[in-house]
Amino acid sequence: MLIQSPGTDDYIDQWEAFTASAEVSPILGYMFSDAEYQTESAAITNVINQYLPTLSNGACESEEATNAYIDEFVNALEAAGINDVIAGNQEQLDAYLAAK
């Protein structure tokens, strides 16, 4: 195998040692089911679609306006039910971990 700079001759050995020492996350394999949260998920998606373009493009006029817009975004997410979805996700994760 060709090792390009700044790689060293023992790069592969180092990589294999690093990989072998990695810990497997206890939540590996967990997947949240949002079946009970379809209404909230749709509302959250709508909120994100409304606010994200402005935030992504830095289109607010000032730092203060940006902070106010972020506060408005968070409030809209909460009104859409994001805290219920987070709580439901945590419940499912706790059950997944308890079953392991």
N, C-alpha and C. Protein backbone atom coordinates (compact mmCIF):
# COMPACT_ATOMS: atom_id res chain seq x y z
N MET A 1 0.85 -1.18 0.00
CA MET A 1 0.00 0.00 0.00
C MET A 1 0.89 1.23 0.00
N LEU A 2 0.56 2.19 -0.84
CA LEU A 2 1.31 3.43 -0.93
C LEU A 2 0.84 4.38 0.16
N ILE A 3 1.76 4.82 1.00
CA ILE A 3 1.45 5.78 2.06
C ILE A 3 1.92 7.15 1.61
N GLN A 4 1.02 8.10 1.56
CA GLN A 4 1.39 9.45 1.14
C GLN A 4 1.77 10.29 2.35
N SER A 5 2.60 11.27 2.11
CA SER A 5 3.04 12.18 3.16
C SER A 5 1.81 12.87 3.75
N PRO A 6 1.70 13.09 5.01
CA PRO A 6 2.70 12.89 6.07
C PRO A 6 2.61 11.52 6.72
N GLY A 7 2.03 10.54 6.06
CA GLY A 7 1.94 9.20 6.61
C GLY A 7 3.31 8.61 6.87
N THR A 8 3.37 7.69 7.79
CA THR A 8 4.64 7.04 8.13
C THR A 8 4.55 5.57 7.75
N ASP A 9 5.69 4.90 7.78
CA ASP A 9 5.72 3.48 7.43
C ASP A 9 4.84 2.65 8.35
N ASP A 10 4.69 3.08 9.59
CA ASP A 10 3.88 2.30 10.53
C ASP A 10 2.45 2.83 10.67
N TYR A 11 2.03 3.60 9.69
CA TYR A 11 0.69 4.18 9.71
C TYR A 11 -0.39 3.10 9.84
N ILE A 12 -0.28 2.04 9.05
CA ILE A 12 -1.29 0.98 9.07
C ILE A 12 -1.33 0.33 10.45
N ASP A 13 -0.17 0.06 11.03
CA ASP A 13 -0.12 -0.53 12.38
C ASP A 13 -0.76 0.39 13.40
N GLN A 14 -0.47 1.69 13.29
CA GLN A 14 -1.07 2.66 14.21
C GLN A 14 -2.58 2.70 14.04
N TRP A 15 -3.04 2.69 12.80
CA TRP A 15 -4.47 2.74 12.53
C TRP A 15 -5.17 1.50 13.08
N GLU A 16 -4.59 0.34 12.86
CA GLU A 16 -5.18 -0.90 13.36
C GLU A 16 -5.22 -0.92 14.89
N ALA A 17 -4.17 -0.41 15.53
CA ALA A 17 -4.15 -0.35 17.00
C ALA A 17 -5.22 0.62 17.50
N PHE A 18 -5.34 1.75 16.82
CA PHE A 18 -6.35 2.73 17.19
C PHE A 18 -7.75 2.14 17.06
N THR A 19 -8.01 1.49 15.95
CA THR A 19 -9.32 0.89 15.70
C THR A 19 -9.62 -0.21 16.72
N ALA A 20 -8.63 -1.03 17.03
CA ALA A 20 -8.84 -2.12 17.98
C ALA A 20 -9.13 -1.61 19.39
N SER A 21 -8.63 -0.41 19.71
CA SER A 21 -8.83 0.13 21.05
C SER A 21 -10.13 0.94 21.19
N ALA A 22 -10.84 1.13 20.08
CA ALA A 22 -12.06 1.93 20.12
C ALA A 22 -13.15 1.21 20.92
N GLU A 23 -13.88 1.98 21.71
CA GLU A 23 -14.99 1.42 22.48
C GLU A 23 -16.26 1.47 21.64
N VAL A 24 -17.04 0.43 21.72
CA VAL A 24 -18.32 0.39 21.01
C VAL A 24 -19.35 1.14 21.84
N SER A 25 -20.03 2.07 21.20
CA SER A 25 -21.05 2.85 21.89
C SER A 25 -22.20 1.94 22.32
N PRO A 26 -22.72 2.13 23.53
CA PRO A 26 -23.84 1.31 23.99
C PRO A 26 -25.13 1.58 23.21
N ILE A 27 -25.19 2.68 22.48
CA ILE A 27 -26.40 2.97 21.71
C ILE A 27 -26.27 2.57 20.25
N LEU A 28 -25.17 1.87 19.91
CA LEU A 28 -25.01 1.37 18.55
C LEU A 28 -26.18 0.43 18.23
N GLY A 29 -26.88 0.71 17.16
CA GLY A 29 -28.02 -0.10 16.77
C GLY A 29 -29.36 0.50 17.17
N TYR A 30 -29.35 1.52 18.03
CA TYR A 30 -30.60 2.16 18.45
C TYR A 30 -31.15 3.00 17.31
N MET A 31 -32.46 2.96 17.15
CA MET A 31 -33.11 3.79 16.15
C MET A 31 -34.43 4.30 16.72
N PHE A 32 -34.58 5.61 16.73
CA PHE A 32 -35.79 6.24 17.24
C PHE A 32 -36.94 6.00 16.27
N SER A 33 -38.08 5.61 16.80
CA SER A 33 -39.30 5.46 16.01
C SER A 33 -40.18 6.67 16.30
N ASP A 34 -40.40 7.47 15.27
CA ASP A 34 -41.24 8.66 15.45
C ASP A 34 -42.69 8.41 15.06
N ALA A 35 -43.09 7.14 15.01
CA ALA A 35 -44.45 6.79 14.60
C ALA A 35 -45.51 7.49 15.45
N GLU A 36 -45.24 7.65 16.73
CA GLU A 36 -46.20 8.31 17.63
C GLU A 36 -46.13 9.83 17.54
N TYR A 37 -45.18 10.35 16.78
CA TYR A 37 -44.91 11.78 16.76
C TYR A 37 -44.98 12.36 15.34
N GLN A 38 -45.82 11.78 14.50
CA GLN A 38 -45.90 12.23 13.11
C GLN A 38 -46.35 13.69 13.01
N THR A 39 -47.32 14.08 13.81
CA THR A 39 -47.80 15.46 13.78
C THR A 39 -46.70 16.42 14.20
N GLU A 40 -46.04 16.09 15.32
CA GLU A 40 -44.95 16.93 15.81
C GLU A 40 -43.79 16.97 14.82
N SER A 41 -43.46 15.83 14.24
CA SER A 41 -42.35 15.78 13.28
C SER A 41 -42.63 16.66 12.07
N ALA A 42 -43.85 16.62 11.58
CA ALA A 42 -44.22 17.47 10.45
C ALA A 42 -44.15 18.94 10.82
N ALA A 43 -44.64 19.28 12.00
CA ALA A 43 -44.60 20.68 12.45
C ALA A 43 -43.16 21.15 12.65
N ILE A 44 -42.32 20.30 13.21
CA ILE A 44 -40.91 20.64 13.43
C ILE A 44 -40.21 20.86 12.09
N THR A 45 -40.49 19.99 11.13
CA THR A 45 -39.91 20.14 9.79
C THR A 45 -40.31 21.46 9.17
N ASN A 46 -41.58 21.84 9.32
CA ASN A 46 -42.05 23.12 8.79
C ASN A 46 -41.33 24.29 9.44
N VAL A 47 -41.13 24.22 10.75
CA VAL A 47 -40.43 25.29 11.46
C VAL A 47 -38.99 25.39 10.96
N ILE A 48 -38.32 24.26 10.85
CA ILE A 48 -36.93 24.26 10.37
C ILE A 48 -36.86 24.83 8.96
N ASN A 49 -37.77 24.42 8.10
CA ASN A 49 -37.78 24.94 6.73
C ASN A 49 -38.03 26.44 6.69
N GLN A 50 -38.77 26.95 7.65
CA GLN A 50 -39.04 28.38 7.71
C GLN A 50 -37.83 29.18 8.18
N TYR A 51 -37.14 28.70 9.22
CA TYR A 51 -36.10 29.49 9.85
C TYR A 51 -34.68 29.21 9.34
N LEU A 52 -34.42 28.00 8.89
CA LEU A 52 -33.06 27.62 8.55
C LEU A 52 -32.43 28.43 7.41
N PRO A 53 -33.15 28.73 6.34
CA PRO A 53 -32.51 29.51 5.27
C PRO A 53 -31.93 30.84 5.76
N THR A 54 -32.67 31.55 6.56
CA THR A 54 -32.18 32.84 7.07
C THR A 54 -30.98 32.64 7.97
N LEU A 55 -31.04 31.64 8.84
CA LEU A 55 -29.92 31.38 9.74
C LEU A 55 -28.70 30.87 8.99
N SER A 56 -28.90 30.01 8.02
CA SER A 56 -27.78 29.44 7.25
C SER A 56 -27.06 30.50 6.42
N ASN A 57 -27.81 31.46 5.95
CA ASN A 57 -27.23 32.49 5.09
C ASN A 57 -26.76 33.72 5.85
N GLY A 58 -26.97 33.74 7.16
CA GLY A 58 -26.58 34.91 7.93
C GLY A 58 -27.31 36.16 7.49
N ALA A 59 -28.59 36.01 7.18
CA ALA A 59 -29.35 37.10 6.58
C ALA A 59 -29.95 38.08 7.58
N CYS A 60 -29.72 37.88 8.87
CA CYS A 60 -30.20 38.85 9.85
C CYS A 60 -29.31 40.08 9.81
N GLU A 61 -29.88 41.22 10.17
CA GLU A 61 -29.18 42.50 10.01
C GLU A 61 -28.06 42.73 11.01
N SER A 62 -28.15 42.11 12.18
CA SER A 62 -27.15 42.37 13.22
C SER A 62 -27.07 41.16 14.14
N GLU A 63 -26.11 41.21 15.04
CA GLU A 63 -25.98 40.13 16.03
C GLU A 63 -27.22 40.07 16.91
N GLU A 64 -27.73 41.23 17.29
CA GLU A 64 -28.93 41.27 18.12
C GLU A 64 -30.13 40.69 17.38
N ALA A 65 -30.25 41.03 16.10
CA ALA A 65 -31.35 40.50 15.30
C ALA A 65 -31.22 38.98 15.14
N THR A 66 -29.98 38.51 14.98
CA THR A 66 -29.74 37.07 14.87
C THR A 66 -30.14 36.37 16.15
N ASN A 67 -29.73 36.92 17.29
CA ASN A 67 -30.08 36.32 18.58
C ASN A 67 -31.59 36.29 18.79
N ALA A 68 -32.26 37.37 18.41
CA ALA A 68 -33.72 37.42 18.53
C ALA A 68 -34.37 36.39 17.60
N TYR A 69 -33.82 36.23 16.40
CA TYR A 69 -34.35 35.27 15.44
C TYR A 69 -34.16 33.84 15.95
N ILE A 70 -33.00 33.57 16.55
CA ILE A 70 -32.75 32.25 17.14
C ILE A 70 -33.73 31.98 18.27
N ASP A 71 -33.97 32.97 19.12
CA ASP A 71 -34.95 32.81 20.19
C ASP A 71 -36.34 32.49 19.62
N GLU A 72 -36.70 33.20 18.56
CA GLU A 72 -37.99 32.97 17.90
C GLU A 72 -38.04 31.54 17.33
N PHE A 73 -36.94 31.11 16.73
CA PHE A 73 -36.82 29.76 16.18
C PHE A 73 -37.01 28.70 17.26
N VAL A 74 -36.32 28.87 18.38
CA VAL A 74 -36.42 27.92 19.49
C VAL A 74 -37.85 27.88 20.02
N ASN A 75 -38.46 29.04 20.18
CA ASN A 75 -39.85 29.10 20.66
C ASN A 75 -40.80 28.39 19.68
N ALA A 76 -40.56 28.57 18.39
CA ALA A 76 -41.39 27.91 17.38
C ALA A 76 -41.20 26.39 17.43
N LEU A 77 -39.95 25.95 17.62
CA LEU A 77 -39.70 24.51 17.76
C LEU A 77 -40.42 23.94 18.98
N GLU A 78 -40.37 24.67 20.08
CA GLU A 78 -41.06 24.22 21.29
C GLU A 78 -42.57 24.17 21.08
N ALA A 79 -43.11 25.17 20.40
CA ALA A 79 -44.54 25.18 20.11
C ALA A 79 -44.93 24.03 19.18
N ALA A 80 -44.00 23.62 18.33
CA ALA A 80 -44.26 22.52 17.40
C ALA A 80 -44.18 21.15 18.08
N GLY A 81 -43.66 21.11 19.30
CA GLY A 81 -43.62 19.86 20.05
C GLY A 81 -42.27 19.19 20.14
N ILE A 82 -41.20 19.93 19.92
CA ILE A 82 -39.88 19.29 19.93
C ILE A 82 -39.54 18.68 21.28
N ASN A 83 -39.99 19.29 22.36
CA ASN A 83 -39.68 18.73 23.68
C ASN A 83 -40.38 17.39 23.90
N ASP A 84 -41.57 17.23 23.34
CA ASP A 84 -42.26 15.94 23.42
C ASP A 84 -41.51 14.86 22.64
N VAL A 85 -41.00 15.24 21.47
CA VAL A 85 -40.24 14.29 20.65
C VAL A 85 -38.94 13.90 21.36
N ILE A 86 -38.26 14.88 21.94
CA ILE A 86 -37.03 14.59 22.68
C ILE A 86 -37.31 13.66 23.85
N ALA A 87 -38.38 13.93 24.59
CA ALA A 87 -38.74 13.07 25.72
C ALA A 87 -39.09 11.65 25.25
N GLY A 88 -39.81 11.55 24.14
CA GLY A 88 -40.15 10.24 23.59
C GLY A 88 -38.91 9.48 23.14
N ASN A 89 -37.98 10.20 22.54
CA ASN A 89 -36.73 9.59 22.13
C ASN A 89 -35.96 9.07 23.34
N GLN A 90 -35.92 9.86 24.40
CA GLN A 90 -35.22 9.45 25.61
C GLN A 90 -35.86 8.21 26.22
N GLU A 91 -37.20 8.16 26.24
CA GLU A 91 -37.90 6.98 26.76
C GLU A 91 -37.54 5.73 25.97
N GLN A 92 -37.55 5.86 24.65
CA GLN A 92 -37.21 4.72 23.81
C GLN A 92 -35.76 4.29 24.00
N LEU A 93 -34.86 5.27 24.12
CA LEU A 93 -33.45 4.95 24.34
C LEU A 93 -33.25 4.26 25.68
N ASP A 94 -33.91 4.75 26.72
CA ASP A 94 -33.81 4.12 28.04
C ASP A 94 -34.29 2.67 27.98
N ALA A 95 -35.40 2.43 27.28
CA ALA A 95 -35.93 1.07 27.15
C ALA A 95 -34.96 0.19 26.35
N TYR A 96 -34.35 0.75 25.32
CA TYR A 96 -33.37 0.01 24.52
C TYR A 96 -32.18 -0.40 25.37
N LEU A 97 -31.67 0.54 26.16
CA LEU A 97 -30.51 0.24 27.00
C LEU A 97 -30.86 -0.76 28.10
N ALA A 98 -32.07 -0.65 28.65
CA ALA A 98 -32.49 -1.57 29.71
C ALA A 98 -32.64 -3.00 29.19
N ALA A 99 -32.98 -3.13 27.91
CA ALA A 99 -33.18 -4.45 27.32
C ALA A 99 -31.87 -5.13 26.91
N LYS A 100 -30.79 -4.38 26.94
CA LYS A 100 -29.49 -4.96 26.51
C LYS A 100 -28.92 -5.86 27.56
